[in-house]
Amino acid sequence: MDNDAFTPLEQGAWGGLLGMYGRLARRIEADLQEHSQISHVEFEVLLRLSWTEGHRLRIQDLAEQSVLTQSGVSRMVGRLEQAGLVTRENATEDRRGAYAVLTEKGSEHFRRALRAHIVYVRRNFLEFFSDEELAQMAEFWRRVEQGAAESQDNTE
């Protein structure tokens, strides 16, 4: 296989992902700012916190799941903390880490943003696919994530 160029099939798949990601990211950012005065990465942090038991995650774990670095997530948590949407708790188990914890105000703000975001995502992304295609897509992302994790494990 030629490693100097993508095949047309690879270019369509990879180039399509890159282009759509960029366009959707810009549109989602604008939509979240318009209705909730929150950035996409702030929304992502609140989303991930809302999905966890106790609505808390180590900042290090948030960084691993995010497009931001650990210091970027830490700064983001600081801004969300100033807005009263999260609090920061020291990790008692190792004293070096910290947790981001969703506050009641943060949970309420997130729920309002989520309702509008779901409408946007359904209208601009999900409605273009059947349930079967969405299940396939979820499986594709799971396989890519699993392969990336295995690749990471092999390099450590």
N, C-alpha and C. Protein backbone atom coordinates (compact mmCIF):
# COMPACT_ATOMS: atom_id res chain seq x y z
N MET A 1 0.84 -1.18 0.00
CA MET A 1 0.00 0.00 0.00
C MET A 1 0.88 1.24 0.00
N ASP A 2 0.55 2.20 -0.84
CA ASP A 2 1.31 3.44 -0.98
C ASP A 2 1.07 4.34 0.23
N ASN A 3 2.16 4.70 0.91
CA ASN A 3 2.04 5.56 2.09
C ASN A 3 2.28 7.03 1.76
N ASP A 4 2.37 7.36 0.46
CA ASP A 4 2.59 8.74 0.06
C ASP A 4 1.29 9.45 -0.31
N ALA A 5 0.19 8.71 -0.40
CA ALA A 5 -1.08 9.33 -0.79
C ALA A 5 -2.24 8.45 -0.31
N PHE A 6 -3.35 9.10 0.00
CA PHE A 6 -4.56 8.37 0.32
C PHE A 6 -5.19 7.85 -0.96
N THR A 7 -5.80 6.68 -0.88
CA THR A 7 -6.58 6.19 -2.02
C THR A 7 -7.83 7.07 -2.12
N PRO A 8 -8.50 7.07 -3.26
CA PRO A 8 -9.74 7.86 -3.35
C PRO A 8 -10.77 7.47 -2.29
N LEU A 9 -10.87 6.19 -1.98
CA LEU A 9 -11.80 5.75 -0.95
C LEU A 9 -11.39 6.29 0.42
N GLU A 10 -10.09 6.18 0.73
CA GLU A 10 -9.58 6.71 2.00
C GLU A 10 -9.75 8.22 2.06
N GLN A 11 -9.48 8.90 0.97
CA GLN A 11 -9.63 10.35 0.93
C GLN A 11 -11.08 10.75 1.19
N GLY A 12 -12.03 10.04 0.57
CA GLY A 12 -13.43 10.34 0.80
C GLY A 12 -13.84 10.15 2.25
N ALA A 13 -13.37 9.06 2.86
CA ALA A 13 -13.73 8.78 4.26
C ALA A 13 -13.04 9.74 5.22
N TRP A 14 -11.72 9.84 5.11
CA TRP A 14 -10.96 10.68 6.05
C TRP A 14 -11.20 12.17 5.78
N GLY A 15 -11.14 12.55 4.53
CA GLY A 15 -11.38 13.95 4.18
C GLY A 15 -12.79 14.37 4.54
N GLY A 16 -13.75 13.47 4.33
CA GLY A 16 -15.13 13.76 4.71
C GLY A 16 -15.27 13.97 6.21
N LEU A 17 -14.61 13.12 7.01
CA LEU A 17 -14.65 13.28 8.46
C LEU A 17 -14.04 14.61 8.88
N LEU A 18 -12.87 14.93 8.35
CA LEU A 18 -12.20 16.18 8.72
C LEU A 18 -13.04 17.40 8.34
N GLY A 19 -13.56 17.41 7.13
CA GLY A 19 -14.35 18.55 6.68
C GLY A 19 -15.63 18.69 7.47
N MET A 20 -16.34 17.59 7.68
CA MET A 20 -17.59 17.65 8.42
C MET A 20 -17.34 18.02 9.87
N TYR A 21 -16.29 17.49 10.46
CA TYR A 21 -15.96 17.84 11.84
C TYR A 21 -15.74 19.34 11.97
N GLY A 22 -14.97 19.91 11.07
CA GLY A 22 -14.71 21.35 11.13
C GLY A 22 -15.98 22.17 10.98
N ARG A 23 -16.80 21.83 10.01
CA ARG A 23 -18.05 22.58 9.79
C ARG A 23 -19.00 22.41 10.96
N LEU A 24 -19.19 21.18 11.42
CA LEU A 24 -20.10 20.96 12.54
C LEU A 24 -19.59 21.63 13.81
N ALA A 25 -18.30 21.55 14.06
CA ALA A 25 -17.74 22.17 15.27
C ALA A 25 -18.01 23.68 15.28
N ARG A 26 -17.81 24.35 14.15
CA ARG A 26 -18.07 25.80 14.07
C ARG A 26 -19.55 26.10 14.27
N ARG A 27 -20.42 25.30 13.64
CA ARG A 27 -21.86 25.53 13.77
C ARG A 27 -22.35 25.24 15.18
N ILE A 28 -21.86 24.17 15.78
CA ILE A 28 -22.25 23.84 17.15
C ILE A 28 -21.78 24.93 18.10
N GLU A 29 -20.57 25.41 17.91
CA GLU A 29 -20.05 26.49 18.75
C GLU A 29 -20.97 27.71 18.68
N ALA A 30 -21.33 28.11 17.47
CA ALA A 30 -22.19 29.28 17.29
C ALA A 30 -23.57 29.05 17.92
N ASP A 31 -24.12 27.85 17.73
CA ASP A 31 -25.44 27.55 18.29
C ASP A 31 -25.42 27.57 19.81
N LEU A 32 -24.42 26.94 20.43
CA LEU A 32 -24.33 26.92 21.90
C LEU A 32 -24.13 28.32 22.46
N GLN A 33 -23.31 29.12 21.77
CA GLN A 33 -23.11 30.51 22.23
C GLN A 33 -24.41 31.30 22.15
N GLU A 34 -25.15 31.09 21.07
CA GLU A 34 -26.39 31.85 20.86
C GLU A 34 -27.43 31.55 21.93
N HIS A 35 -27.67 30.28 22.22
CA HIS A 35 -28.77 29.97 23.14
C HIS A 35 -28.34 29.76 24.58
N SER A 36 -27.05 29.50 24.84
CA SER A 36 -26.65 29.19 26.21
C SER A 36 -25.42 29.95 26.69
N GLN A 37 -24.84 30.78 25.82
CA GLN A 37 -23.64 31.54 26.17
C GLN A 37 -22.57 30.64 26.78
N ILE A 38 -22.35 29.52 26.09
CA ILE A 38 -21.37 28.54 26.55
C ILE A 38 -20.61 28.03 25.33
N SER A 39 -19.33 27.75 25.49
CA SER A 39 -18.55 27.24 24.37
C SER A 39 -18.77 25.73 24.24
N HIS A 40 -18.37 25.21 23.09
CA HIS A 40 -18.51 23.78 22.84
C HIS A 40 -17.69 22.97 23.83
N VAL A 41 -16.47 23.39 24.14
CA VAL A 41 -15.65 22.63 25.08
C VAL A 41 -16.19 22.75 26.51
N GLU A 42 -16.75 23.90 26.86
CA GLU A 42 -17.39 24.02 28.18
C GLU A 42 -18.58 23.07 28.26
N PHE A 43 -19.38 23.04 27.18
CA PHE A 43 -20.52 22.13 27.13
C PHE A 43 -20.04 20.69 27.27
N GLU A 44 -18.96 20.35 26.59
CA GLU A 44 -18.44 18.99 26.65
C GLU A 44 -18.04 18.61 28.08
N VAL A 45 -17.38 19.52 28.78
CA VAL A 45 -17.00 19.26 30.18
C VAL A 45 -18.24 19.02 31.03
N LEU A 46 -19.24 19.90 30.89
CA LEU A 46 -20.48 19.73 31.66
C LEU A 46 -21.19 18.43 31.29
N LEU A 47 -21.18 18.09 30.01
CA LEU A 47 -21.80 16.85 29.54
C LEU A 47 -21.14 15.65 30.19
N ARG A 48 -19.82 15.60 30.14
CA ARG A 48 -19.10 14.46 30.70
C ARG A 48 -19.33 14.36 32.22
N LEU A 49 -19.36 15.49 32.89
CA LEU A 49 -19.65 15.48 34.33
C LEU A 49 -21.07 14.98 34.59
N SER A 50 -22.00 15.38 33.76
CA SER A 50 -23.40 14.97 33.97
C SER A 50 -23.58 13.47 33.77
N TRP A 51 -22.72 12.84 32.99
CA TRP A 51 -22.81 11.41 32.71
C TRP A 51 -22.22 10.54 33.81
N THR A 52 -21.47 11.12 34.73
CA THR A 52 -20.77 10.32 35.73
C THR A 52 -21.55 10.26 37.03
N GLU A 53 -21.32 9.17 37.76
CA GLU A 53 -21.93 9.03 39.08
C GLU A 53 -21.35 10.12 39.99
N GLY A 54 -22.21 10.80 40.69
CA GLY A 54 -21.76 11.88 41.55
C GLY A 54 -21.42 13.15 40.81
N HIS A 55 -21.58 13.14 39.49
CA HIS A 55 -21.29 14.30 38.64
C HIS A 55 -19.90 14.87 38.90
N ARG A 56 -18.94 13.97 39.00
CA ARG A 56 -17.56 14.39 39.27
C ARG A 56 -16.59 13.51 38.51
N LEU A 57 -15.52 14.14 38.04
CA LEU A 57 -14.44 13.44 37.34
C LEU A 57 -13.11 14.10 37.69
N ARG A 58 -12.08 13.29 37.70
CA ARG A 58 -10.74 13.87 37.86
C ARG A 58 -10.45 14.73 36.64
N ILE A 59 -9.79 15.82 36.85
CA ILE A 59 -9.43 16.71 35.75
C ILE A 59 -8.57 15.97 34.74
N GLN A 60 -7.71 15.11 35.20
CA GLN A 60 -6.88 14.28 34.31
C GLN A 60 -7.75 13.42 33.41
N ASP A 61 -8.82 12.83 33.95
CA ASP A 61 -9.71 11.99 33.16
C ASP A 61 -10.51 12.82 32.16
N LEU A 62 -10.92 14.01 32.56
CA LEU A 62 -11.60 14.92 31.62
C LEU A 62 -10.68 15.23 30.45
N ALA A 63 -9.41 15.47 30.73
CA ALA A 63 -8.45 15.80 29.67
C ALA A 63 -8.28 14.63 28.70
N GLU A 64 -8.26 13.41 29.22
CA GLU A 64 -8.11 12.24 28.36
C GLU A 64 -9.29 12.08 27.41
N GLN A 65 -10.45 12.58 27.80
CA GLN A 65 -11.67 12.44 27.00
C GLN A 65 -11.94 13.67 26.14
N SER A 66 -11.11 14.67 26.24
CA SER A 66 -11.38 15.97 25.63
C SER A 66 -10.37 16.29 24.54
N VAL A 67 -10.68 17.34 23.78
CA VAL A 67 -9.73 17.85 22.80
C VAL A 67 -8.69 18.75 23.47
N LEU A 68 -8.90 19.07 24.74
CA LEU A 68 -7.98 19.95 25.46
C LEU A 68 -6.91 19.15 26.20
N THR A 69 -5.80 19.80 26.47
CA THR A 69 -4.75 19.20 27.29
C THR A 69 -5.19 19.26 28.76
N GLN A 70 -4.42 18.62 29.63
CA GLN A 70 -4.76 18.66 31.05
C GLN A 70 -4.72 20.09 31.58
N SER A 71 -3.73 20.87 31.18
CA SER A 71 -3.69 22.26 31.65
C SER A 71 -4.84 23.07 31.03
N GLY A 72 -5.22 22.76 29.79
CA GLY A 72 -6.36 23.43 29.17
C GLY A 72 -7.66 23.11 29.89
N VAL A 73 -7.83 21.85 30.26
CA VAL A 73 -9.03 21.46 31.01
C VAL A 73 -9.01 22.12 32.39
N SER A 74 -7.85 22.17 33.00
CA SER A 74 -7.74 22.79 34.32
C SER A 74 -8.15 24.28 34.25
N ARG A 75 -7.69 24.97 33.21
CA ARG A 75 -8.09 26.38 33.04
C ARG A 75 -9.58 26.49 32.77
N MET A 76 -10.10 25.57 31.95
CA MET A 76 -11.54 25.55 31.64
C MET A 76 -12.35 25.34 32.91
N VAL A 77 -11.92 24.41 33.74
CA VAL A 77 -12.60 24.16 35.01
C VAL A 77 -12.55 25.42 35.87
N GLY A 78 -11.44 26.13 35.83
CA GLY A 78 -11.34 27.39 36.57
C GLY A 78 -12.38 28.41 36.11
N ARG A 79 -12.57 28.52 34.80
CA ARG A 79 -13.58 29.46 34.28
C ARG A 79 -14.99 29.01 34.66
N LEU A 80 -15.24 27.71 34.56
CA LEU A 80 -16.56 27.19 34.94
C LEU A 80 -16.79 27.35 36.44
N GLU A 81 -15.71 27.24 37.21
CA GLU A 81 -15.79 27.44 38.66
C GLU A 81 -16.14 28.89 38.98
N GLN A 82 -15.52 29.83 38.28
CA GLN A 82 -15.83 31.26 38.49
C GLN A 82 -17.28 31.57 38.16
N ALA A 83 -17.84 30.84 37.18
CA ALA A 83 -19.23 31.04 36.80
C ALA A 83 -20.19 30.30 37.73
N GLY A 84 -19.64 29.52 38.68
CA GLY A 84 -20.48 28.78 39.62
C GLY A 84 -21.06 27.50 39.06
N LEU A 85 -20.54 27.04 37.92
CA LEU A 85 -21.09 25.84 37.28
C LEU A 85 -20.43 24.56 37.76
N VAL A 86 -19.21 24.65 38.23
CA VAL A 86 -18.51 23.50 38.81
C VAL A 86 -17.73 23.98 40.04
N THR A 87 -17.36 23.02 40.86
CA THR A 87 -16.41 23.27 41.93
C THR A 87 -15.23 22.34 41.72
N ARG A 88 -14.14 22.68 42.36
CA ARG A 88 -12.93 21.86 42.28
C ARG A 88 -12.69 21.27 43.66
N GLU A 89 -12.46 19.96 43.71
CA GLU A 89 -12.17 19.28 44.97
C GLU A 89 -10.82 18.59 44.85
N ASN A 90 -10.03 18.70 45.89
CA ASN A 90 -8.76 17.99 45.90
C ASN A 90 -9.00 16.49 45.96
N ALA A 91 -8.15 15.74 45.29
CA ALA A 91 -8.24 14.29 45.32
C ALA A 91 -7.60 13.80 46.61
N THR A 92 -8.40 13.23 47.49
CA THR A 92 -7.87 12.77 48.77
C THR A 92 -7.02 11.52 48.62
N GLU A 93 -7.24 10.76 47.54
CA GLU A 93 -6.52 9.50 47.39
C GLU A 93 -5.06 9.67 46.99
N ASP A 94 -4.68 10.81 46.40
CA ASP A 94 -3.27 10.96 46.04
C ASP A 94 -2.73 12.37 46.27
N ARG A 95 -3.57 13.30 46.65
CA ARG A 95 -3.21 14.68 47.00
C ARG A 95 -2.60 15.49 45.86
N ARG A 96 -2.40 14.88 44.70
CA ARG A 96 -1.84 15.63 43.57
C ARG A 96 -2.93 16.03 42.60
N GLY A 97 -3.94 15.21 42.48
CA GLY A 97 -4.98 15.46 41.51
C GLY A 97 -6.12 16.27 42.09
N ALA A 98 -7.06 16.58 41.21
CA ALA A 98 -8.25 17.31 41.62
C ALA A 98 -9.44 16.82 40.80
N TYR A 99 -10.60 16.99 41.36
CA TYR A 99 -11.85 16.64 40.70
C TYR A 99 -12.59 17.91 40.30
N ALA A 100 -13.27 17.82 39.17
CA ALA A 100 -14.26 18.83 38.80
C ALA A 100 -15.61 18.23 39.16
N VAL A 101 -16.44 19.03 39.83
CA VAL A 101 -17.74 18.55 40.31
C VAL A 101 -18.81 19.51 39.82
N LEU A 102 -19.81 18.98 39.18
CA LEU A 102 -20.92 19.77 38.67
C LEU A 102 -21.75 20.30 39.83
N THR A 103 -22.00 21.61 39.86
CA THR A 103 -22.84 22.20 40.90
C THR A 103 -24.31 22.12 40.48
N GLU A 104 -25.20 22.44 41.40
CA GLU A 104 -26.63 22.48 41.05
C GLU A 104 -26.87 23.54 39.97
N LYS A 105 -26.23 24.70 40.13
CA LYS A 105 -26.37 25.75 39.10
C LYS A 105 -25.84 25.25 37.76
N GLY A 106 -24.71 24.55 37.79
CA GLY A 106 -24.14 24.00 36.56
C GLY A 106 -25.05 22.96 35.94
N SER A 107 -25.65 22.14 36.78
CA SER A 107 -26.57 21.12 36.28
C SER A 107 -27.79 21.75 35.62
N GLU A 108 -28.34 22.79 36.22
CA GLU A 108 -29.49 23.49 35.64
C GLU A 108 -29.11 24.16 34.32
N HIS A 109 -27.98 24.84 34.31
CA HIS A 109 -27.51 25.51 33.09
C HIS A 109 -27.28 24.47 31.98
N PHE A 110 -26.65 23.36 32.35
CA PHE A 110 -26.39 22.31 31.38
C PHE A 110 -27.68 21.73 30.83
N ARG A 111 -28.67 21.45 31.69
CA ARG A 111 -29.94 20.88 31.22
C ARG A 111 -30.62 21.79 30.20
N ARG A 112 -30.60 23.09 30.44
CA ARG A 112 -31.19 24.04 29.48
C ARG A 112 -30.41 24.01 28.16
N ALA A 113 -29.09 24.02 28.25
CA ALA A 113 -28.26 23.97 27.04
C ALA A 113 -28.45 22.64 26.31
N LEU A 114 -28.58 21.56 27.06
CA LEU A 114 -28.72 20.24 26.46
C LEU A 114 -29.99 20.12 25.63
N ARG A 115 -31.10 20.64 26.15
CA ARG A 115 -32.36 20.55 25.41
C ARG A 115 -32.22 21.20 24.03
N ALA A 116 -31.67 22.39 23.99
CA ALA A 116 -31.49 23.09 22.71
C ALA A 116 -30.46 22.37 21.84
N HIS A 117 -29.42 21.84 22.47
CA HIS A 117 -28.36 21.15 21.73
C HIS A 117 -28.89 19.87 21.08
N ILE A 118 -29.71 19.13 21.80
CA ILE A 118 -30.29 17.90 21.24
C ILE A 118 -31.11 18.22 20.00
N VAL A 119 -31.91 19.27 20.07
CA VAL A 119 -32.71 19.68 18.90
C VAL A 119 -31.78 19.99 17.74
N TYR A 120 -30.72 20.73 18.00
CA TYR A 120 -29.77 21.11 16.95
C TYR A 120 -29.10 19.88 16.34
N VAL A 121 -28.60 18.98 17.19
CA VAL A 121 -27.88 17.80 16.70
C VAL A 121 -28.82 16.88 15.92
N ARG A 122 -30.02 16.72 16.39
CA ARG A 122 -30.97 15.88 15.65
C ARG A 122 -31.26 16.48 14.27
N ARG A 123 -31.49 17.78 14.23
CA ARG A 123 -31.85 18.45 12.98
C ARG A 123 -30.67 18.52 12.00
N ASN A 124 -29.47 18.66 12.50
CA ASN A 124 -28.31 18.89 11.63
C ASN A 124 -27.38 17.70 11.46
N PHE A 125 -27.70 16.59 12.13
CA PHE A 125 -26.83 15.42 12.01
C PHE A 125 -27.62 14.11 12.06
N LEU A 126 -28.25 13.82 13.17
CA LEU A 126 -28.86 12.51 13.38
C LEU A 126 -29.97 12.17 12.41
N GLU A 127 -30.76 13.16 11.99
CA GLU A 127 -31.91 12.86 11.13
C GLU A 127 -31.51 12.38 9.73
N PHE A 128 -30.24 12.51 9.39
CA PHE A 128 -29.78 12.06 8.08
C PHE A 128 -29.46 10.57 8.04
N PHE A 129 -29.60 9.90 9.19
CA PHE A 129 -29.24 8.49 9.29
C PHE A 129 -30.38 7.68 9.87
N SER A 130 -30.48 6.44 9.43
CA SER A 130 -31.45 5.51 10.00
C SER A 130 -30.93 5.02 11.36
N ASP A 131 -31.79 4.38 12.14
CA ASP A 131 -31.35 3.81 13.41
C ASP A 131 -30.24 2.78 13.18
N GLU A 132 -30.37 2.01 12.12
CA GLU A 132 -29.35 1.01 11.81
C GLU A 132 -28.00 1.69 11.50
N GLU A 133 -28.03 2.76 10.74
CA GLU A 133 -26.80 3.49 10.42
C GLU A 133 -26.20 4.12 11.67
N LEU A 134 -27.04 4.64 12.55
CA LEU A 134 -26.53 5.22 13.80
C LEU A 134 -25.86 4.15 14.66
N ALA A 135 -26.46 2.96 14.69
CA ALA A 135 -25.85 1.85 15.44
C ALA A 135 -24.50 1.47 14.83
N GLN A 136 -24.45 1.44 13.49
CA GLN A 136 -23.18 1.14 12.81
C GLN A 136 -22.14 2.22 13.13
N MET A 137 -22.57 3.48 13.07
CA MET A 137 -21.66 4.59 13.34
C MET A 137 -21.10 4.48 14.76
N ALA A 138 -21.97 4.19 15.72
CA ALA A 138 -21.52 4.04 17.10
C ALA A 138 -20.48 2.92 17.19
N GLU A 139 -20.71 1.84 16.46
CA GLU A 139 -19.76 0.72 16.44
C GLU A 139 -18.45 1.15 15.79
N PHE A 140 -18.53 1.94 14.73
CA PHE A 140 -17.30 2.43 14.08
C PHE A 140 -16.46 3.23 15.08
N TRP A 141 -17.09 4.15 15.81
CA TRP A 141 -16.35 4.99 16.76
C TRP A 141 -15.77 4.13 17.88
N ARG A 142 -16.54 3.12 18.32
CA ARG A 142 -16.04 2.23 19.36
C ARG A 142 -14.80 1.49 18.88
N ARG A 143 -14.82 1.01 17.64
CA ARG A 143 -13.66 0.29 17.09
C ARG A 143 -12.45 1.20 16.95
N VAL A 144 -12.68 2.41 16.49
CA VAL A 144 -11.56 3.36 16.35
C VAL A 144 -10.97 3.66 17.73
N GLU A 145 -11.83 3.90 18.71
CA GLU A 145 -11.37 4.17 20.08
C GLU A 145 -10.60 2.98 20.64
N GLN A 146 -11.13 1.79 20.44
CA GLN A 146 -10.46 0.58 20.93
C GLN A 146 -9.10 0.42 20.25
N GLY A 147 -9.04 0.61 18.95
CA GLY A 147 -7.78 0.50 18.23
C GLY A 147 -6.77 1.54 18.68
N ALA A 148 -7.24 2.75 18.92
CA ALA A 148 -6.34 3.80 19.39
C ALA A 148 -5.82 3.48 20.79
N ALA A 149 -6.69 2.95 21.65
CA ALA A 149 -6.27 2.58 23.01
C ALA A 149 -5.24 1.46 22.97
N GLU A 150 -5.49 0.47 22.12
CA GLU A 150 -4.54 -0.64 22.00
C GLU A 150 -3.21 -0.17 21.44
N SER A 151 -3.26 0.72 20.48
CA SER A 151 -2.04 1.28 19.89
C SER A 151 -1.26 2.06 20.96
N GLN A 152 -1.98 2.84 21.77
CA GLN A 152 -1.37 3.61 22.85
C GLN A 152 -0.72 2.66 23.87
N ASP A 153 -1.43 1.59 24.22
CA ASP A 153 -0.89 0.61 25.17
C ASP A 153 0.39 -0.02 24.64
N ASN A 154 0.48 -0.25 23.34
CA ASN A 154 1.65 -0.89 22.74
C ASN A 154 2.84 0.04 22.67
N THR A 155 2.63 1.35 22.75
CA THR A 155 3.73 2.29 22.68
C THR A 155 4.27 2.67 24.06
N GLU A 156 3.54 2.31 25.09
CA GLU A 156 3.98 2.66 26.45
C GLU A 156 4.93 1.65 27.03
